[in-house]
Amino acid sequence: MSLPKTDTNDYASRTSGAELSVRARLSDYYELTKPRLSFLSVITAVIGYLAADPNRDLGILSSLLIGTSLAAGGAAVLNQWLERDADARMVRTKDRPIPAGRVTPMHALIYGMGLSSIGCYLLYAGANPLAGLLTAATIASYVLLYTPLKKLTTWNTLIGAIPGALPPLIGWAAAEGRISTLGWILFAILFLWQMPHFFAIAWTHRKDYDKGGFVMLSSADANGRKVARQAFVFCLALVVSTLLPTILGYASWVYGTVAIFSGFYILRPSVAFLRENQRDTAARKLFFASIFYLPALLIPLVLDLWLI
């Protein structure tokens, strides 16, 4: 016996609404993991793994990929759980799932803790204890150190660059069970790269950060001179650090040439950032240049280590 037409339509409408609701909920939980930022952590961890030139162990590589994805996502969720009140006051973050009320703080906390725990375990058991411990240290320093310091001191950017630079070491540790000199060079490159990248973000969104109560260097620097100078100095240090693999004999001058040209590419907007009449435009250009710069540098490095 078939349902009346109106009942059939109502049923279809309810079913469609339920599917949309589930899809929207899944989308919110996915958004909480800050997928683009988490993807960067996964990629740099894989770069560290490949740069160590390990034996091709798909089990370890799978643990690294899944574990760092979950751990990075969990750290992002916990960061938003802690910053939910500040996020609600800022234009760029007020529509995130927690401040917008689409995910409750308790659910976000459980979700973040679950992802972080599973991610650490996968790297500890699937790769080795050092990789697991470094993953736990990354989450702890990001959530318990960097996140609260954002409201206390302008040093937060420098300190926050430490957990941001640890993923290559996680990958290196997964490959070797220890960290060699080249692994530390990768750490230095990621550490230094973050400074101009985040200074550009801080200057562009300085008013929003003020609304959120964050103590950024851009908040205490009305004309942006200090922000621009520090961005330039860290860019110079970054370019020098990228030449170390070639200077120390780990990579050839093929990679060294790429590093030099890449260095000019990121230095150009950092120089423009120094000019007050170009600062706002240059900050945005420096931000985008930093995004393209990293893969343009690290992919040739891995290819050089493997092929030359």
C-alpha atoms as a PDB file:
ATOM      1  CA  MET A   1       0.000   0.000   0.000  1.00  0.00           C
ATOM      2  CA  SER A   2       1.529   3.299  -1.085  1.00  0.00           C
ATOM      3  CA  LEU A   3       1.651   6.402   1.081  1.00  0.00           C
ATOM      4  CA  PRO A   4      -0.579   9.343   0.128  1.00  0.00           C
ATOM      5  CA  LYS A   5       1.226  11.885  -2.016  1.00  0.00           C
ATOM      6  CA  THR A   6       1.342  14.523   0.730  1.00  0.00           C
ATOM      7  CA  ASP A   7       2.787  12.019   3.223  1.00  0.00           C
ATOM      8  CA  THR A   8       5.392  10.962   0.692  1.00  0.00           C
ATOM      9  CA  ASN A   9       6.407  14.578   0.142  1.00  0.00           C
ATOM     10  CA  ASP A  10       6.595  15.240   3.889  1.00  0.00           C
ATOM     11  CA  TYR A  11       8.708  12.133   4.402  1.00  0.00           C
ATOM     12  CA  ALA A  12      11.069  13.106   1.584  1.00  0.00           C
ATOM     13  CA  SER A  13      11.345  16.626   3.006  1.00  0.00           C
ATOM     14  CA  ARG A  14      12.165  15.348   6.493  1.00  0.00           C
ATOM     15  CA  THR A  15      14.708  12.885   5.127  1.00  0.00           C
ATOM     16  CA  SER A  16      16.363  15.584   3.034  1.00  0.00           C
ATOM     17  CA  GLY A  17      16.426  17.921   6.038  1.00  0.00           C
ATOM     18  CA  ALA A  18      18.014  15.243   8.224  1.00  0.00           C
ATOM     19  CA  GLU A  19      20.681  14.563   5.607  1.00  0.00           C
ATOM     20  CA  LEU A  20      21.460  18.272   5.356  1.00  0.00           C
ATOM     21  CA  SER A  21      21.658  18.495   9.149  1.00  0.00           C
ATOM     22  CA  VAL A  22      24.117  15.590   9.358  1.00  0.00           C
ATOM     23  CA  ARG A  23      26.185  17.057   6.523  1.00  0.00           C
ATOM     24  CA  ALA A  24      26.242  20.462   8.213  1.00  0.00           C
ATOM     25  CA  ARG A  25      27.280  18.916  11.542  1.00  0.00           C
ATOM     26  CA  LEU A  26      30.086  16.938   9.905  1.00  0.00           C
ATOM     27  CA  SER A  27      31.194  20.105   8.107  1.00  0.00           C
ATOM     28  CA  ASP A  28      31.370  21.971  11.436  1.00  0.00           C
ATOM     29  CA  TYR A  29      33.494  19.276  13.049  1.00  0.00           C
ATOM     30  CA  TYR A  30      35.741  19.223   9.996  1.00  0.00           C
ATOM     31  CA  GLU A  31      36.071  23.022  10.121  1.00  0.00           C
ATOM     32  CA  LEU A  32      37.106  22.813  13.777  1.00  0.00           C
ATOM     33  CA  THR A  33      40.273  20.954  12.746  1.00  0.00           C
ATOM     34  CA  LYS A  34      41.464  23.977  10.704  1.00  0.00           C
ATOM     35  CA  PRO A  35      42.131  21.699   7.719  1.00  0.00           C
ATOM     36  CA  ARG A  36      44.396  24.083   5.792  1.00  0.00           C
ATOM     37  CA  LEU A  37      46.664  24.729   8.773  1.00  0.00           C
ATOM     38  CA  SER A  38      46.615  21.054   9.746  1.00  0.00           C
ATOM     39  CA  PHE A  39      47.473  20.087   6.161  1.00  0.00           C
ATOM     40  CA  LEU A  40      50.624  22.212   6.413  1.00  0.00           C
ATOM     41  CA  SER A  41      51.687  20.274   9.521  1.00  0.00           C
ATOM     42  CA  VAL A  42      51.101  16.962   7.753  1.00  0.00           C
ATOM     43  CA  ILE A  43      53.033  18.035   4.650  1.00  0.00           C
ATOM     44  CA  THR A  44      56.033  19.307   6.617  1.00  0.00           C
ATOM     45  CA  ALA A  45      56.057  16.110   8.685  1.00  0.00           C
ATOM     46  CA  VAL A  46      56.136  14.077   5.464  1.00  0.00           C
ATOM     47  CA  ILE A  47      58.903  16.345   4.129  1.00  0.00           C
ATOM     48  CA  GLY A  48      60.936  15.535   7.246  1.00  0.00           C
ATOM     49  CA  TYR A  49      60.269  11.823   6.766  1.00  0.00           C
ATOM     50  CA  LEU A  50      61.274  11.846   3.109  1.00  0.00           C
ATOM     51  CA  ALA A  51      64.318  14.056   3.695  1.00  0.00           C
ATOM     52  CA  ALA A  52      65.643  11.427   6.100  1.00  0.00           C
ATOM     53  CA  ASP A  53      65.588   9.032   3.102  1.00  0.00           C
ATOM     54  CA  PRO A  54      64.119   6.133   5.073  1.00  0.00           C
ATOM     55  CA  ASN A  55      63.478   2.563   4.072  1.00  0.00           C
ATOM     56  CA  ARG A  56      60.167   2.529   2.245  1.00  0.00           C
ATOM     57  CA  ASP A  57      57.940   1.370   5.091  1.00  0.00           C
ATOM     58  CA  LEU A  58      54.307   2.004   4.168  1.00  0.00           C
ATOM     59  CA  GLY A  59      53.171   1.117   7.680  1.00  0.00           C
ATOM     60  CA  ILE A  60      55.269   3.867   9.270  1.00  0.00           C
ATOM     61  CA  LEU A  61      54.342   6.348   6.557  1.00  0.00           C
ATOM     62  CA  SER A  62      50.640   5.566   7.049  1.00  0.00           C
ATOM     63  CA  SER A  63      50.961   6.055  10.803  1.00  0.00           C
ATOM     64  CA  LEU A  64      52.742   9.356  10.175  1.00  0.00           C
ATOM     65  CA  LEU A  65      50.079  10.616   7.764  1.00  0.00           C
ATOM     66  CA  ILE A  66      47.078   9.595   9.852  1.00  0.00           C
ATOM     67  CA  GLY A  67      48.676  10.361  13.209  1.00  0.00           C
ATOM     68  CA  THR A  68      49.849  13.875  12.329  1.00  0.00           C
ATOM     69  CA  SER A  69      46.510  14.630  10.651  1.00  0.00           C
ATOM     70  CA  LEU A  70      44.604  13.681  13.803  1.00  0.00           C
ATOM     71  CA  ALA A  71      47.066  15.342  16.177  1.00  0.00           C
ATOM     72  CA  ALA A  72      47.174  18.599  14.201  1.00  0.00           C
ATOM     73  CA  GLY A  73      43.399  18.623  13.937  1.00  0.00           C
ATOM     74  CA  GLY A  74      43.028  17.901  17.656  1.00  0.00           C
ATOM     75  CA  ALA A  75      45.398  20.736  18.586  1.00  0.00           C
ATOM     76  CA  ALA A  76      43.378  23.108  16.383  1.00  0.00           C
ATOM     77  CA  VAL A  77      40.125  22.072  18.067  1.00  0.00           C
ATOM     78  CA  LEU A  78      41.585  22.566  21.558  1.00  0.00           C
ATOM     79  CA  ASN A  79      42.970  25.951  20.520  1.00  0.00           C
ATOM     80  CA  GLN A  80      39.497  27.071  19.427  1.00  0.00           C
ATOM     81  CA  TRP A  81      37.979  25.640  22.596  1.00  0.00           C
ATOM     82  CA  LEU A  82      40.293  27.829  24.673  1.00  0.00           C
ATOM     83  CA  GLU A  83      39.819  30.900  22.474  1.00  0.00           C
ATOM     84  CA  ARG A  84      36.059  30.631  21.947  1.00  0.00           C
ATOM     85  CA  ASP A  85      35.260  33.879  23.792  1.00  0.00           C
ATOM     86  CA  ALA A  86      37.917  35.833  21.896  1.00  0.00           C
ATOM     87  CA  ASP A  87      36.796  34.289  18.602  1.00  0.00           C
ATOM     88  CA  ALA A  88      33.252  35.516  19.261  1.00  0.00           C
ATOM     89  CA  ARG A  89      34.526  39.119  19.364  1.00  0.00           C
ATOM     90  CA  MET A  90      36.499  39.019  16.102  1.00  0.00           C
ATOM     91  CA  VAL A  91      35.003  39.468  12.650  1.00  0.00           C
ATOM     92  CA  ARG A  92      37.204  36.835  11.006  1.00  0.00           C
ATOM     93  CA  THR A  93      36.423  34.131  13.604  1.00  0.00           C
ATOM     94  CA  LYS A  94      32.967  34.849  15.032  1.00  0.00           C
ATOM     95  CA  ASP A  95      31.313  32.369  12.656  1.00  0.00           C
ATOM     96  CA  ARG A  96      33.507  29.463  13.719  1.00  0.00           C
ATOM     97  CA  PRO A  97      31.473  26.488  14.994  1.00  0.00           C
ATOM     98  CA  ILE A  98      31.991  27.069  18.737  1.00  0.00           C
ATOM     99  CA  PRO A  99      31.337  30.851  19.025  1.00  0.00           C
ATOM    100  CA  ALA A 100      28.483  30.531  16.509  1.00  0.00           C
ATOM    101  CA  GLY A 101      26.873  27.903  18.777  1.00  0.00           C
ATOM    102  CA  ARG A 102      26.897  25.078  16.246  1.00  0.00           C
ATOM    103  CA  VAL A 103      29.211  22.928  18.411  1.00  0.00           C
ATOM    104  CA  THR A 104      29.089  23.028  22.208  1.00  0.00           C
ATOM    105  CA  PRO A 105      32.323  23.701  24.116  1.00  0.00           C
ATOM    106  CA  MET A 106      32.071  20.331  25.896  1.00  0.00           C
ATOM    107  CA  HIS A 107      31.719  18.422  22.642  1.00  0.00           C
ATOM    108  CA  ALA A 108      34.644  20.370  21.169  1.00  0.00           C
ATOM    109  CA  LEU A 109      36.819  19.546  24.191  1.00  0.00           C
ATOM    110  CA  ILE A 110      36.040  15.816  23.984  1.00  0.00           C
ATOM    111  CA  TYR A 111      36.568  15.855  20.220  1.00  0.00           C
ATOM    112  CA  GLY A 112      39.907  17.676  20.478  1.00  0.00           C
ATOM    113  CA  MET A 113      41.200  15.437  23.257  1.00  0.00           C
ATOM    114  CA  GLY A 114      40.140  12.340  21.335  1.00  0.00           C
ATOM    115  CA  LEU A 115      41.835  13.353  18.099  1.00  0.00           C
ATOM    116  CA  SER A 116      45.016  14.391  19.905  1.00  0.00           C
ATOM    117  CA  SER A 117      45.236  11.190  21.937  1.00  0.00           C
ATOM    118  CA  ILE A 118      44.679   8.892  18.968  1.00  0.00           C
ATOM    119  CA  GLY A 119      47.169  10.847  16.862  1.00  0.00           C
ATOM    120  CA  CYS A 120      49.896  10.584  19.509  1.00  0.00           C
ATOM    121  CA  TYR A 121      49.225   6.881  20.013  1.00  0.00           C
ATOM    122  CA  LEU A 122      49.427   6.125  16.291  1.00  0.00           C
ATOM    123  CA  LEU A 123      52.827   7.777  16.028  1.00  0.00           C
ATOM    124  CA  TYR A 124      54.078   6.223  19.273  1.00  0.00           C
ATOM    125  CA  ALA A 125      52.986   2.694  18.346  1.00  0.00           C
ATOM    126  CA  GLY A 126      53.076   2.863  14.555  1.00  0.00           C
ATOM    127  CA  ALA A 127      56.400   4.702  14.159  1.00  0.00           C
ATOM    128  CA  ASN A 128      58.442   4.909  17.377  1.00  0.00           C
ATOM    129  CA  PRO A 129      58.313   6.454  20.882  1.00  0.00           C
ATOM    130  CA  LEU A 130      60.343   9.543  19.887  1.00  0.00           C
ATOM    131  CA  ALA A 131      57.863  10.431  17.133  1.00  0.00           C
ATOM    132  CA  GLY A 132      54.966   9.992  19.557  1.00  0.00           C
ATOM    133  CA  LEU A 133      56.609  12.098  22.265  1.00  0.00           C
ATOM    134  CA  LEU A 134      57.433  14.884  19.809  1.00  0.00           C
ATOM    135  CA  THR A 135      53.807  14.870  18.675  1.00  0.00           C
ATOM    136  CA  ALA A 136      52.613  15.172  22.269  1.00  0.00           C
ATOM    137  CA  ALA A 137      55.123  18.001  22.848  1.00  0.00           C
ATOM    138  CA  THR A 138      53.817  19.797  19.765  1.00  0.00           C
ATOM    139  CA  ILE A 139      50.221  19.659  20.986  1.00  0.00           C
ATOM    140  CA  ALA A 140      51.136  20.619  24.562  1.00  0.00           C
ATOM    141  CA  SER A 141      53.280  23.605  23.556  1.00  0.00           C
ATOM    142  CA  TYR A 142      50.668  24.840  21.077  1.00  0.00           C
ATOM    143  CA  VAL A 143      47.660  24.497  23.374  1.00  0.00           C
ATOM    144  CA  LEU A 144      49.115  25.051  26.854  1.00  0.00           C
ATOM    145  CA  LEU A 145      51.903  27.526  26.080  1.00  0.00           C
ATOM    146  CA  TYR A 146      51.308  29.453  22.848  1.00  0.00           C
ATOM    147  CA  THR A 147      47.521  29.814  23.127  1.00  0.00           C
ATOM    148  CA  PRO A 148      47.417  31.443  26.604  1.00  0.00           C
ATOM    149  CA  LEU A 149      50.501  33.578  25.864  1.00  0.00           C
ATOM    150  CA  LYS A 150      48.650  35.260  22.988  1.00  0.00           C
ATOM    151  CA  LYS A 151      46.817  37.287  25.638  1.00  0.00           C
ATOM    152  CA  LEU A 152      49.866  37.985  27.788  1.00  0.00           C
ATOM    153  CA  THR A 153      52.894  38.942  25.716  1.00  0.00           C
ATOM    154  CA  THR A 154      54.033  39.947  22.235  1.00  0.00           C
ATOM    155  CA  TRP A 155      56.579  37.119  22.485  1.00  0.00           C
ATOM    156  CA  ASN A 156      53.763  34.705  21.703  1.00  0.00           C
ATOM    157  CA  THR A 157      54.594  34.660  17.968  1.00  0.00           C
ATOM    158  CA  LEU A 158      58.201  33.632  18.612  1.00  0.00           C
ATOM    159  CA  ILE A 159      57.160  30.964  21.125  1.00  0.00           C
ATOM    160  CA  GLY A 160      54.315  29.762  18.913  1.00  0.00           C
ATOM    161  CA  ALA A 161      56.774  29.161  16.089  1.00  0.00           C
ATOM    162  CA  ILE A 162      58.280  26.280  18.104  1.00  0.00           C
ATOM    163  CA  PRO A 163      55.290  23.886  17.864  1.00  0.00           C
ATOM    164  CA  GLY A 164      54.810  25.059  14.289  1.00  0.00           C
ATOM    165  CA  ALA A 165      58.352  23.931  13.448  1.00  0.00           C
ATOM    166  CA  LEU A 166      58.194  20.536  15.176  1.00  0.00           C
ATOM    167  CA  PRO A 167      56.339  18.514  12.473  1.00  0.00           C
ATOM    168  CA  PRO A 168      59.491  18.021  10.318  1.00  0.00           C
ATOM    169  CA  LEU A 169      61.213  16.610  13.402  1.00  0.00           C
ATOM    170  CA  ILE A 170      58.258  14.263  13.951  1.00  0.00           C
ATOM    171  CA  GLY A 171      58.680  12.997  10.395  1.00  0.00           C
ATOM    172  CA  TRP A 172      62.447  12.701  10.775  1.00  0.00           C
ATOM    173  CA  ALA A 173      62.073  10.818  14.062  1.00  0.00           C
ATOM    174  CA  ALA A 174      59.520   8.481  12.442  1.00  0.00           C
ATOM    175  CA  ALA A 175      62.078   7.652   9.755  1.00  0.00           C
ATOM    176  CA  GLU A 176      65.243   7.337  11.848  1.00  0.00           C
ATOM    177  CA  GLY A 177      64.231   7.025  15.487  1.00  0.00           C
ATOM    178  CA  ARG A 178      66.547   9.974  16.182  1.00  0.00           C
ATOM    179  CA  ILE A 179      67.123  13.472  14.795  1.00  0.00           C
ATOM    180  CA  SER A 180      70.143  14.264  12.637  1.00  0.00           C
ATOM    181  CA  THR A 181      71.653  17.652  11.753  1.00  0.00           C
ATOM    182  CA  LEU A 182      69.596  18.064   8.581  1.00  0.00           C
ATOM    183  CA  GLY A 183      66.453  17.463  10.626  1.00  0.00           C
ATOM    184  CA  TRP A 184      67.363  20.382  12.882  1.00  0.00           C
ATOM    185  CA  ILE A 185      68.024  22.529   9.804  1.00  0.00           C
ATOM    186  CA  LEU A 186      64.493  21.766   8.623  1.00  0.00           C
ATOM    187  CA  PHE A 187      63.244  22.774  12.072  1.00  0.00           C
ATOM    188  CA  ALA A 188      65.143  26.076  11.774  1.00  0.00           C
ATOM    189  CA  ILE A 189      63.732  26.744   8.296  1.00  0.00           C
ATOM    190  CA  LEU A 190      60.144  26.176   9.485  1.00  0.00           C
ATOM    191  CA  PHE A 191      60.728  28.211  12.644  1.00  0.00           C
ATOM    192  CA  LEU A 192      62.127  31.224  10.775  1.00  0.00           C
ATOM    193  CA  TRP A 193      59.558  30.999   7.974  1.00  0.00           C
ATOM    194  CA  GLN A 194      56.680  31.390  10.406  1.00  0.00           C
ATOM    195  CA  MET A 195      57.851  34.770  11.658  1.00  0.00           C
ATOM    196  CA  PRO A 196      57.351  36.891   8.508  1.00  0.00           C
ATOM    197  CA  HIS A 197      54.301  34.774   7.648  1.00  0.00           C
ATOM    198  CA  PHE A 198      52.555  35.536  10.940  1.00  0.00           C
ATOM    199  CA  PHE A 199      53.810  39.122  11.195  1.00  0.00           C
ATOM    200  CA  ALA A 200      52.099  39.757   7.858  1.00  0.00           C
ATOM    201  CA  ILE A 201      48.875  38.210   9.201  1.00  0.00           C
ATOM    202  CA  ALA A 202      49.111  40.144  12.481  1.00  0.00           C
ATOM    203  CA  TRP A 203      49.510  43.462  10.679  1.00  0.00           C
ATOM    204  CA  THR A 204      46.681  42.819   8.217  1.00  0.00           C
ATOM    205  CA  HIS A 205      44.261  41.782  10.983  1.00  0.00           C
ATOM    206  CA  ARG A 206      45.620  44.025  13.766  1.00  0.00           C
ATOM    207  CA  LYS A 207      42.239  45.635  14.544  1.00  0.00           C
ATOM    208  CA  ASP A 208      40.546  42.257  14.815  1.00  0.00           C
ATOM    209  CA  TYR A 209      43.269  40.948  17.136  1.00  0.00           C
ATOM    210  CA  ASP A 210      42.715  43.998  19.361  1.00  0.00           C
ATOM    211  CA  LYS A 211      39.006  43.179  19.576  1.00  0.00           C
ATOM    212  CA  GLY A 212      39.866  39.630  20.615  1.00  0.00           C
ATOM    213  CA  GLY A 213      42.180  40.842  23.376  1.00  0.00           C
ATOM    214  CA  PHE A 214      45.324  39.348  21.830  1.00  0.00           C
ATOM    215  CA  VAL A 215      48.649  40.994  22.638  1.00  0.00           C
ATOM    216  CA  MET A 216      50.339  41.073  19.251  1.00  0.00           C
ATOM    217  CA  LEU A 217      53.403  43.086  18.232  1.00  0.00           C
ATOM    218  CA  SER A 218      51.212  44.887  15.696  1.00  0.00           C
ATOM    219  CA  SER A 219      48.962  46.101  18.551  1.00  0.00           C
ATOM    220  CA  ALA A 220      51.837  47.912  20.241  1.00  0.00           C
ATOM    221  CA  ASP A 221      53.292  49.253  16.996  1.00  0.00           C
ATOM    222  CA  ALA A 222      50.987  51.901  15.552  1.00  0.00           C
ATOM    223  CA  ASN A 223      52.976  52.610  12.381  1.00  0.00           C
ATOM    224  CA  GLY A 224      54.181  49.040  11.862  1.00  0.00           C
ATOM    225  CA  ARG A 225      57.898  49.795  11.814  1.00  0.00           C
ATOM    226  CA  LYS A 226      58.833  47.184  14.410  1.00  0.00           C
ATOM    227  CA  VAL A 227      56.672  44.534  12.760  1.00  0.00           C
ATOM    228  CA  ALA A 228      58.168  45.269   9.344  1.00  0.00           C
ATOM    229  CA  ARG A 229      61.771  45.320  10.625  1.00  0.00           C
ATOM    230  CA  GLN A 230      61.377  42.021  12.424  1.00  0.00           C
ATOM    231  CA  ALA A 231      59.714  40.437   9.394  1.00  0.00           C
ATOM    232  CA  PHE A 232      62.656  41.550   7.233  1.00  0.00           C
ATOM    233  CA  VAL A 233      65.312  40.337   9.699  1.00  0.00           C
ATOM    234  CA  PHE A 234      63.675  36.928  10.014  1.00  0.00           C
ATOM    235  CA  CYS A 235      63.395  36.718   6.216  1.00  0.00           C
ATOM    236  CA  LEU A 236      67.151  37.302   5.950  1.00  0.00           C
ATOM    237  CA  ALA A 237      67.829  34.648   8.575  1.00  0.00           C
ATOM    238  CA  LEU A 238      65.457  32.306   6.739  1.00  0.00           C
ATOM    239  CA  VAL A 239      67.317  32.711   3.445  1.00  0.00           C
ATOM    240  CA  VAL A 240      70.645  31.968   5.165  1.00  0.00           C
ATOM    241  CA  SER A 241      69.206  28.864   6.861  1.00  0.00           C
ATOM    242  CA  THR A 242      67.918  27.506   3.540  1.00  0.00           C
ATOM    243  CA  LEU A 243      71.485  27.509   2.168  1.00  0.00           C
ATOM    244  CA  LEU A 244      72.830  25.359   5.009  1.00  0.00           C
ATOM    245  CA  PRO A 245      71.912  21.996   3.402  1.00  0.00           C
ATOM    246  CA  THR A 246      74.124  22.899   0.433  1.00  0.00           C
ATOM    247  CA  ILE A 247      76.896  24.549   2.456  1.00  0.00           C
ATOM    248  CA  LEU A 248      77.143  21.537   4.790  1.00  0.00           C
ATOM    249  CA  GLY A 249      77.103  19.055   1.896  1.00  0.00           C
ATOM    250  CA  TYR A 250      73.677  17.489   2.379  1.00  0.00           C
ATOM    251  CA  ALA A 251      72.303  18.847  -0.900  1.00  0.00           C
ATOM    252  CA  SER A 252      73.774  19.929  -4.230  1.00  0.00           C
ATOM    253  CA  TRP A 253      73.976  23.402  -5.719  1.00  0.00           C
ATOM    254  CA  VAL A 254      70.935  22.542  -7.807  1.00  0.00           C
ATOM    255  CA  TYR A 255      68.899  22.906  -4.636  1.00  0.00           C
ATOM    256  CA  GLY A 256      71.162  25.777  -3.531  1.00  0.00           C
ATOM    257  CA  THR A 257      70.275  27.718  -6.675  1.00  0.00           C
ATOM    258  CA  VAL A 258      66.574  27.145  -6.029  1.00  0.00           C
ATOM    259  CA  ALA A 259      67.056  28.382  -2.446  1.00  0.00           C
ATOM    260  CA  ILE A 260      68.767  31.574  -3.671  1.00  0.00           C
ATOM    261  CA  PHE A 261      66.031  32.422  -6.177  1.00  0.00           C
ATOM    262  CA  SER A 262      63.326  31.534  -3.636  1.00  0.00           C
ATOM    263  CA  GLY A 263      65.077  33.810  -1.167  1.00  0.00           C
ATOM    264  CA  PHE A 264      64.895  36.770  -3.544  1.00  0.00           C
ATOM    265  CA  TYR A 265      61.224  35.962  -4.092  1.00  0.00           C
ATOM    266  CA  ILE A 266      60.303  36.257  -0.397  1.00  0.00           C
ATOM    267  CA  LEU A 267      62.722  39.115   0.368  1.00  0.00           C
ATOM    268  CA  ARG A 268      61.107  41.402  -2.181  1.00  0.00           C
ATOM    269  CA  PRO A 269      57.751  41.853  -0.376  1.00  0.00           C
ATOM    270  CA  SER A 270      59.557  41.964   2.997  1.00  0.00           C
ATOM    271  CA  VAL A 271      61.570  44.971   1.726  1.00  0.00           C
ATOM    272  CA  ALA A 272      58.358  46.623   0.514  1.00  0.00           C
ATOM    273  CA  PHE A 273      56.853  45.938   3.964  1.00  0.00           C
ATOM    274  CA  LEU A 274      59.503  48.289   5.396  1.00  0.00           C
ATOM    275  CA  ARG A 275      58.017  51.231   3.489  1.00  0.00           C
ATOM    276  CA  GLU A 276      55.207  52.844   5.455  1.00  0.00           C
ATOM    277  CA  ASN A 277      53.262  53.985   2.381  1.00  0.00           C
ATOM    278  CA  GLN A 278      53.220  50.392   1.043  1.00  0.00           C
ATOM    279  CA  ARG A 279      52.822  48.528   4.319  1.00  0.00           C
ATOM    280  CA  ASP A 280      49.236  47.303   4.065  1.00  0.00           C
ATOM    281  CA  THR A 281      49.594  46.087   0.489  1.00  0.00           C
ATOM    282  CA  ALA A 282      53.066  44.634   1.126  1.00  0.00           C
ATOM    283  CA  ALA A 283      51.796  42.694   4.168  1.00  0.00           C
ATOM    284  CA  ARG A 284      49.261  40.871   2.019  1.00  0.00           C
ATOM    285  CA  LYS A 285      51.868  40.211  -0.676  1.00  0.00           C
ATOM    286  CA  LEU A 286      54.311  38.892   1.931  1.00  0.00           C
ATOM    287  CA  PHE A 287      51.649  36.568   3.307  1.00  0.00           C
ATOM    288  CA  PHE A 288      50.885  35.042  -0.093  1.00  0.00           C
ATOM    289  CA  ALA A 289      54.588  34.912  -1.031  1.00  0.00           C
ATOM    290  CA  SER A 290      55.303  32.952   2.141  1.00  0.00           C
ATOM    291  CA  ILE A 291      52.630  30.391   1.241  1.00  0.00           C
ATOM    292  CA  PHE A 292      54.104  29.744  -2.216  1.00  0.00           C
ATOM    293  CA  TYR A 293      57.660  29.956  -0.915  1.00  0.00           C
ATOM    294  CA  LEU A 294      57.582  26.924   1.361  1.00  0.00           C
ATOM    295  CA  PRO A 295      56.650  24.193  -1.162  1.00  0.00           C
ATOM    296  CA  ALA A 296      58.830  25.880  -3.795  1.00  0.00           C
ATOM    297  CA  LEU A 297      61.771  25.388  -1.437  1.00  0.00           C
ATOM    298  CA  LEU A 298      61.101  22.083   0.331  1.00  0.00           C
ATOM    299  CA  ILE A 299      59.971  19.965  -2.626  1.00  0.00           C
ATOM    300  CA  PRO A 300      63.206  20.672  -4.581  1.00  0.00           C
ATOM    301  CA  LEU A 301      65.183  19.887  -1.415  1.00  0.00           C
ATOM    302  CA  VAL A 302      63.632  16.427  -1.108  1.00  0.00           C
ATOM    303  CA  LEU A 303      64.053  15.758  -4.827  1.00  0.00           C
ATOM    304  CA  ASP A 304      67.685  16.837  -4.603  1.00  0.00           C
ATOM    305  CA  LEU A 305      68.335  14.528  -1.635  1.00  0.00           C
ATOM    306  CA  TRP A 306      66.715  11.596  -3.412  1.00  0.00           C
ATOM    307  CA  LEU A 307      67.840  12.044  -6.997  1.00  0.00           C
ATOM    308  CA  ILE A 308      71.192  13.843  -7.072  1.00  0.00           C
END
